[in-house]
C-alpha cells in the first residue's frame, strides 16, 4: 500500500510540475508577441499619420505673405489676406518727397508700443500741402539716408531740422503704425538697405 500511494503522489507531483512549467512558457510567448506588435503598430501609425498642421486660426498674414502656409496645399482654406494688409517690403508703398523748410507738416508721435512719428496734418498753403504727395497718417521712415523709424518725437524731428541744403528728402510709409512696426513690418536688413540707398525716389 505504501508503494502504491507513493507512486500516485509522485505521478501527481510530476503532472503538477509539468503543468506549471508549461503554462508560464506560453504566457511569456504571448506577452512578448503582444509587446512587439504594439511597438511596430505605433511605428506604422507614426509613418502613416498625415503631416501635422497648425490650426487655421493661428495663421497670420506674414505666414501667407512669406509663403509659410500652415495649411496643406491640397487642403481647402477659407482664410485670406486681410483687406488692410500692406506689403511693407514693397517700395511701391513708400512715398518720397523733397521739400524746403519750413515744410508745413504737423507730425505726431505714435503710441509707445510702436514709436516713430507720422503725419498728423498738413498746414493749408504750406510747402507739403502744395506738393500734394503726402497724406495724414503717413509714417516717417527716413530723412535723406538716415533711418529715423522708431525714434522718439524729438530725435526724428531733429533729423529734419539738422538736415542741410535748400531742401530735405523724406521717405514715408503709406500705411499705419501697426502695418509698419507690427509683425508684417519690414525686416531690419531690408529697411537698412532701403534707407542707405536714399529711400523712395521723389516723383
C-alpha atoms as a PDB file:
ATOM      1  CA  UNK A   1       0.000   0.000   0.000  1.00  0.00           C
ATOM      2  CA  UNK A   2       2.764   2.390   0.757  1.00  0.00           C
ATOM      3  CA  UNK A   3       4.459   1.808  -2.612  1.00  0.00           C
ATOM      4  CA  UNK A   4       1.208   2.366  -4.476  1.00  0.00           C
ATOM      5  CA  UNK A   5       0.492   5.520  -2.545  1.00  0.00           C
ATOM      6  CA  UNK A   6       3.977   6.826  -3.202  1.00  0.00           C
ATOM      7  CA  UNK A   7       3.649   6.164  -6.919  1.00  0.00           C
ATOM      8  CA  UNK A   8       0.391   8.062  -7.061  1.00  0.00           C
ATOM      9  CA  UNK A   9       1.844  11.020  -5.205  1.00  0.00           C
ATOM     10  CA  UNK A  10       4.893  11.147  -7.464  1.00  0.00           C
ATOM     11  CA  UNK A  11       2.687  10.982 -10.534  1.00  0.00           C
ATOM     12  CA  UNK A  12       0.522  13.789  -9.235  1.00  0.00           C
ATOM     13  CA  UNK A  13       3.550  15.842  -8.358  1.00  0.00           C
ATOM     14  CA  UNK A  14       5.109  15.246 -11.757  1.00  0.00           C
ATOM     15  CA  UNK A  15       1.902  16.220 -13.537  1.00  0.00           C
ATOM     16  CA  UNK A  16       1.537  19.344 -11.444  1.00  0.00           C
ATOM     17  CA  UNK A  17       5.154  20.362 -12.048  1.00  0.00           C
ATOM     18  CA  UNK A  18       4.855  19.699 -15.774  1.00  0.00           C
ATOM     19  CA  UNK A  19       1.689  21.719 -15.969  1.00  0.00           C
ATOM     20  CA  UNK A  20       3.212  24.592 -14.002  1.00  0.00           C
ATOM     21  CA  UNK A  21       6.349  24.631 -16.168  1.00  0.00           C
ATOM     22  CA  UNK A  22       4.366  24.565 -19.398  1.00  0.00           C
ATOM     23  CA  UNK A  23       1.877  27.358 -18.771  1.00  0.00           C
ATOM     24  CA  UNK A  24       4.313  30.196 -17.972  1.00  0.00           C
ATOM     25  CA  UNK A  25       6.249  29.393 -21.151  1.00  0.00           C
ATOM     26  CA  UNK A  26       3.145  30.034 -23.286  1.00  0.00           C
ATOM     27  CA  UNK A  27       2.302  33.194 -21.325  1.00  0.00           C
ATOM     28  CA  UNK A  28       5.786  34.596 -21.949  1.00  0.00           C
ATOM     29  CA  UNK A  29       5.417  33.985 -25.654  1.00  0.00           C
ATOM     30  CA  UNK A  30       2.056  35.722 -25.760  1.00  0.00           C
ATOM     31  CA  UNK A  31       3.316  38.687 -23.773  1.00  0.00           C
ATOM     32  CA  UNK A  32       6.445  39.033 -25.918  1.00  0.00           C
ATOM     33  CA  UNK A  33       4.448  38.912 -29.143  1.00  0.00           C
ATOM     34  CA  UNK A  34       1.960  41.476 -27.849  1.00  0.00           C
ATOM     35  CA  UNK A  35       4.703  43.926 -26.870  1.00  0.00           C
ATOM     36  CA  UNK A  36       6.425  43.659 -30.262  1.00  0.00           C
ATOM     37  CA  UNK A  37       3.178  44.071 -32.134  1.00  0.00           C
ATOM     38  CA  UNK A  38       2.337  47.117 -30.078  1.00  0.00           C
ATOM     39  CA  UNK A  39       5.719  48.677 -30.816  1.00  0.00           C
ATOM     40  CA  UNK A  40       5.514  48.163 -34.574  1.00  0.00           C
ATOM     41  CA  UNK A  41       1.893  49.252 -34.675  1.00  0.00           C
ATOM     42  CA  UNK A  42       2.980  52.538 -33.147  1.00  0.00           C
ATOM     43  CA  UNK A  43       5.676  52.935 -35.803  1.00  0.00           C
ATOM     44  CA  UNK A  44       3.152  52.210 -38.529  1.00  0.00           C
ATOM     45  CA  UNK A  45       0.791  54.839 -37.156  1.00  0.00           C
ATOM     46  CA  UNK A  46       3.598  57.400 -36.925  1.00  0.00           C
ATOM     47  CA  UNK A  47       4.554  56.947 -40.574  1.00  0.00           C
ATOM     48  CA  UNK A  48       1.015  56.674 -41.880  1.00  0.00           C
ATOM     49  CA  UNK A  49      -0.344  59.713 -39.988  1.00  0.00           C
ATOM     50  CA  UNK A  50      -0.888  62.858 -42.107  1.00  0.00           C
ATOM     51  CA  UNK A  51       1.517  65.768 -41.526  1.00  0.00           C
ATOM     52  CA  UNK A  52       0.558  67.887 -38.555  1.00  0.00           C
ATOM     53  CA  UNK A  53      -0.962  71.265 -39.338  1.00  0.00           C
ATOM     54  CA  UNK A  54      -1.418  74.356 -37.272  1.00  0.00           C
ATOM     55  CA  UNK A  55      -4.946  75.473 -36.668  1.00  0.00           C
ATOM     56  CA  UNK A  56      -6.012  77.859 -39.422  1.00  0.00           C
ATOM     57  CA  UNK A  57      -6.886  80.436 -36.765  1.00  0.00           C
ATOM     58  CA  UNK A  58      -3.180  80.683 -35.883  1.00  0.00           C
ATOM     59  CA  UNK A  59      -2.198  81.539 -39.442  1.00  0.00           C
ATOM     60  CA  UNK A  60      -1.156  85.151 -39.803  1.00  0.00           C
ATOM     61  CA  UNK A  61      -0.755  87.426 -42.853  1.00  0.00           C
ATOM     62  CA  UNK A  62       3.020  87.130 -42.575  1.00  0.00           C
ATOM     63  CA  UNK A  63       2.731  83.320 -42.945  1.00  0.00           C
ATOM     64  CA  UNK A  64       0.861  83.651 -46.224  1.00  0.00           C
ATOM     65  CA  UNK A  65       2.926  86.607 -47.408  1.00  0.00           C
ATOM     66  CA  UNK A  66       6.216  84.778 -46.895  1.00  0.00           C
ATOM     67  CA  UNK A  67       4.813  81.517 -48.240  1.00  0.00           C
ATOM     68  CA  UNK A  68       4.899  79.812 -44.829  1.00  0.00           C
ATOM     69  CA  UNK A  69       1.451  78.297 -45.273  1.00  0.00           C
ATOM     70  CA  UNK A  70       0.340  76.339 -42.225  1.00  0.00           C
ATOM     71  CA  UNK A  71      -2.301  74.526 -44.293  1.00  0.00           C
ATOM     72  CA  UNK A  72      -1.519  71.799 -46.796  1.00  0.00           C
ATOM     73  CA  UNK A  73      -1.607  72.950 -50.401  1.00  0.00           C
ATOM     74  CA  UNK A  74      -4.222  70.303 -51.116  1.00  0.00           C
ATOM     75  CA  UNK A  75      -6.392  71.253 -48.165  1.00  0.00           C
ATOM     76  CA  UNK A  76      -9.222  73.716 -48.752  1.00  0.00           C
ATOM     77  CA  UNK A  77      -8.938  77.008 -46.912  1.00  0.00           C
ATOM     78  CA  UNK A  78     -11.233  79.957 -46.409  1.00  0.00           C
ATOM     79  CA  UNK A  79      -8.520  82.216 -44.979  1.00  0.00           C
ATOM     80  CA  UNK A  80      -7.402  85.252 -46.973  1.00  0.00           C
ATOM     81  CA  UNK A  81      -5.072  88.180 -46.527  1.00  0.00           C
ATOM     82  CA  UNK A  82      -6.897  90.941 -44.617  1.00  0.00           C
ATOM     83  CA  UNK A  83      -8.161  93.783 -46.775  1.00  0.00           C
ATOM     84  CA  UNK A  84      -5.984  96.266 -44.869  1.00  0.00           C
ATOM     85  CA  UNK A  85      -2.735  94.341 -45.411  1.00  0.00           C
ATOM     86  CA  UNK A  86       0.063  96.492 -46.851  1.00  0.00           C
ATOM     87  CA  UNK A  87       3.334  94.954 -48.003  1.00  0.00           C
ATOM     88  CA  UNK A  88       5.939  96.924 -46.054  1.00  0.00           C
ATOM     89  CA  UNK A  89       8.775  95.456 -48.123  1.00  0.00           C
ATOM     90  CA  UNK A  90       7.415  96.761 -51.411  1.00  0.00           C
ATOM     91  CA  UNK A  91       8.856 100.135 -52.407  1.00  0.00           C
ATOM     92  CA  UNK A  92       5.563 100.974 -54.093  1.00  0.00           C
ATOM     93  CA  UNK A  93       4.091 101.526 -50.634  1.00  0.00           C
ATOM     94  CA  UNK A  94       6.551 104.306 -49.825  1.00  0.00           C
ATOM     95  CA  UNK A  95       6.417 107.961 -50.776  1.00  0.00           C
ATOM     96  CA  UNK A  96       9.453 110.136 -51.425  1.00  0.00           C
ATOM     97  CA  UNK A  97       9.326 113.935 -51.312  1.00  0.00           C
ATOM     98  CA  UNK A  98      11.901 116.693 -51.405  1.00  0.00           C
ATOM     99  CA  UNK A  99      10.724 119.777 -49.567  1.00  0.00           C
ATOM    100  CA  UNK A 100      12.109 123.107 -48.437  1.00  0.00           C
ATOM    101  CA  UNK A 101      11.822 124.272 -44.833  1.00  0.00           C
ATOM    102  CA  UNK A 102       9.512 125.168 -43.232  1.00  0.00           C
ATOM    103  CA  UNK A 103       7.642 122.225 -44.691  1.00  0.00           C
ATOM    104  CA  UNK A 104       4.246 122.867 -43.160  1.00  0.00           C
ATOM    105  CA  UNK A 105       3.910 119.336 -41.755  1.00  0.00           C
ATOM    106  CA  UNK A 106       2.439 118.644 -38.329  1.00  0.00           C
ATOM    107  CA  UNK A 107       3.976 115.425 -37.020  1.00  0.00           C
ATOM    108  CA  UNK A 108       2.692 113.373 -34.121  1.00  0.00           C
ATOM    109  CA  UNK A 109       4.292 110.531 -32.191  1.00  0.00           C
ATOM    110  CA  UNK A 110       2.870 107.009 -32.451  1.00  0.00           C
ATOM    111  CA  UNK A 111       1.815 105.110 -29.369  1.00  0.00           C
ATOM    112  CA  UNK A 112       4.731 103.936 -27.234  1.00  0.00           C
ATOM    113  CA  UNK A 113       4.045 100.383 -28.429  1.00  0.00           C
ATOM    114  CA  UNK A 114       5.483 101.318 -31.824  1.00  0.00           C
ATOM    115  CA  UNK A 115       7.482 104.551 -31.576  1.00  0.00           C
ATOM    116  CA  UNK A 116       8.292 106.748 -34.539  1.00  0.00           C
ATOM    117  CA  UNK A 117       6.275 109.683 -35.857  1.00  0.00           C
ATOM    118  CA  UNK A 118       3.622 110.148 -38.519  1.00  0.00           C
ATOM    119  CA  UNK A 119       1.982 112.983 -40.433  1.00  0.00           C
ATOM    120  CA  UNK A 120      -0.870 114.283 -38.300  1.00  0.00           C
ATOM    121  CA  UNK A 121      -1.879 117.016 -40.741  1.00  0.00           C
ATOM    122  CA  UNK A 122      -0.614 119.379 -43.425  1.00  0.00           C
ATOM    123  CA  UNK A 123      -0.814 123.124 -42.973  1.00  0.00           C
ATOM    124  CA  UNK A 124      -3.009 124.738 -45.548  1.00  0.00           C
ATOM    125  CA  UNK A 125      -0.905 126.619 -48.084  1.00  0.00           C
ATOM    126  CA  UNK A 126       2.289 125.036 -46.765  1.00  0.00           C
ATOM    127  CA  UNK A 127       5.046 123.527 -48.881  1.00  0.00           C
ATOM    128  CA  UNK A 128       3.949 119.921 -48.211  1.00  0.00           C
ATOM    129  CA  UNK A 129       0.301 120.668 -48.938  1.00  0.00           C
ATOM    130  CA  UNK A 130       1.253 122.374 -52.190  1.00  0.00           C
ATOM    131  CA  UNK A 131       3.444 119.399 -53.121  1.00  0.00           C
ATOM    132  CA  UNK A 132       0.375 117.172 -52.815  1.00  0.00           C
ATOM    133  CA  UNK A 133       2.111 113.833 -52.264  1.00  0.00           C
ATOM    134  CA  UNK A 134       1.843 113.404 -48.501  1.00  0.00           C
ATOM    135  CA  UNK A 135      -1.252 112.331 -46.622  1.00  0.00           C
ATOM    136  CA  UNK A 136      -2.202 112.350 -42.942  1.00  0.00           C
ATOM    137  CA  UNK A 137      -1.205 109.012 -41.437  1.00  0.00           C
ATOM    138  CA  UNK A 138       1.994 108.560 -43.465  1.00  0.00           C
ATOM    139  CA  UNK A 139       4.790 107.112 -41.296  1.00  0.00           C
ATOM    140  CA  UNK A 140       8.140 108.936 -41.432  1.00  0.00           C
ATOM    141  CA  UNK A 141      10.841 106.365 -42.214  1.00  0.00           C
ATOM    142  CA  UNK A 142      13.927 108.233 -43.422  1.00  0.00           C
ATOM    143  CA  UNK A 143      15.395 111.721 -43.639  1.00  0.00           C
ATOM    144  CA  UNK A 144      17.817 111.640 -46.531  1.00  0.00           C
ATOM    145  CA  UNK A 145      19.637 108.336 -45.989  1.00  0.00           C
ATOM    146  CA  UNK A 146      19.116 108.324 -42.224  1.00  0.00           C
ATOM    147  CA  UNK A 147      16.697 105.740 -40.860  1.00  0.00           C
ATOM    148  CA  UNK A 148      14.500 107.518 -38.295  1.00  0.00           C
ATOM    149  CA  UNK A 149      11.845 104.806 -37.920  1.00  0.00           C
ATOM    150  CA  UNK A 150      11.044 104.041 -34.292  1.00  0.00           C
ATOM    151  CA  UNK A 151      12.749 107.190 -32.982  1.00  0.00           C
ATOM    152  CA  UNK A 152      11.008 109.370 -30.424  1.00  0.00           C
ATOM    153  CA  UNK A 153       9.474 112.679 -31.499  1.00  0.00           C
ATOM    154  CA  UNK A 154      12.425 114.953 -30.689  1.00  0.00           C
ATOM    155  CA  UNK A 155      15.078 112.764 -32.349  1.00  0.00           C
ATOM    156  CA  UNK A 156      13.062 112.148 -35.512  1.00  0.00           C
ATOM    157  CA  UNK A 157      12.131 115.800 -35.890  1.00  0.00           C
ATOM    158  CA  UNK A 158      15.694 116.799 -35.037  1.00  0.00           C
ATOM    159  CA  UNK A 159      16.942 114.863 -38.066  1.00  0.00           C
ATOM    160  CA  UNK A 160      14.791 117.121 -40.291  1.00  0.00           C
ATOM    161  CA  UNK A 161      15.837 120.312 -38.535  1.00  0.00           C
ATOM    162  CA  UNK A 162      19.532 119.430 -38.717  1.00  0.00           C
ATOM    163  CA  UNK A 163      19.430 118.425 -42.387  1.00  0.00           C
ATOM    164  CA  UNK A 164      21.495 120.697 -44.598  1.00  0.00           C
ATOM    165  CA  UNK A 165      20.776 122.110 -48.016  1.00  0.00           C
ATOM    166  CA  UNK A 166      17.968 124.084 -49.566  1.00  0.00           C
ATOM    167  CA  UNK A 167      15.647 121.087 -49.499  1.00  0.00           C
ATOM    168  CA  UNK A 168      15.326 117.895 -47.469  1.00  0.00           C
ATOM    169  CA  UNK A 169      14.343 114.494 -48.780  1.00  0.00           C
ATOM    170  CA  UNK A 170      11.826 112.499 -46.747  1.00  0.00           C
ATOM    171  CA  UNK A 171      10.692 108.916 -47.185  1.00  0.00           C
ATOM    172  CA  UNK A 172       7.363 107.892 -45.669  1.00  0.00           C
ATOM    173  CA  UNK A 173       5.444 104.625 -45.478  1.00  0.00           C
ATOM    174  CA  UNK A 174       1.898 104.804 -46.777  1.00  0.00           C
ATOM    175  CA  UNK A 175       0.222 102.814 -44.010  1.00  0.00           C
ATOM    176  CA  UNK A 176      -0.448 102.580 -40.291  1.00  0.00           C
ATOM    177  CA  UNK A 177       1.999 102.167 -37.427  1.00  0.00           C
ATOM    178  CA  UNK A 178       0.816  98.578 -36.912  1.00  0.00           C
ATOM    179  CA  UNK A 179       1.382  97.732 -40.571  1.00  0.00           C
ATOM    180  CA  UNK A 180       4.915  99.111 -40.419  1.00  0.00           C
ATOM    181  CA  UNK A 181       6.036  98.272 -36.871  1.00  0.00           C
ATOM    182  CA  UNK A 182       3.870  95.177 -36.337  1.00  0.00           C
ATOM    183  CA  UNK A 183       4.529  91.540 -37.303  1.00  0.00           C
ATOM    184  CA  UNK A 184       4.183  92.259 -41.040  1.00  0.00           C
ATOM    185  CA  UNK A 185       6.675  95.132 -40.921  1.00  0.00           C
ATOM    186  CA  UNK A 186       9.891  95.147 -42.972  1.00  0.00           C
ATOM    187  CA  UNK A 187      12.960  93.228 -41.854  1.00  0.00           C
ATOM    188  CA  UNK A 188      15.814  95.270 -40.391  1.00  0.00           C
ATOM    189  CA  UNK A 189      18.092  94.205 -43.233  1.00  0.00           C
ATOM    190  CA  UNK A 190      15.652  95.292 -45.933  1.00  0.00           C
ATOM    191  CA  UNK A 191      14.866  98.598 -44.239  1.00  0.00           C
ATOM    192  CA  UNK A 192      18.542  99.389 -43.643  1.00  0.00           C
ATOM    193  CA  UNK A 193      19.414  98.762 -47.293  1.00  0.00           C
ATOM    194  CA  UNK A 194      16.380 100.762 -48.416  1.00  0.00           C
ATOM    195  CA  UNK A 195      17.348 103.816 -46.344  1.00  0.00           C
ATOM    196  CA  UNK A 196      21.039 103.636 -47.276  1.00  0.00           C
ATOM    197  CA  UNK A 197      20.194 103.940 -50.935  1.00  0.00           C
ATOM    198  CA  UNK A 198      18.082 107.038 -50.228  1.00  0.00           C
ATOM    199  CA  UNK A 199      14.637 105.529 -49.686  1.00  0.00           C
ATOM    200  CA  UNK A 200      11.827 106.206 -52.124  1.00  0.00           C
ATOM    201  CA  UNK A 201      12.563 108.441 -55.074  1.00  0.00           C
ATOM    202  CA  UNK A 202      10.633 111.738 -55.232  1.00  0.00           C
ATOM    203  CA  UNK A 203       8.176 111.764 -58.104  1.00  0.00           C
END
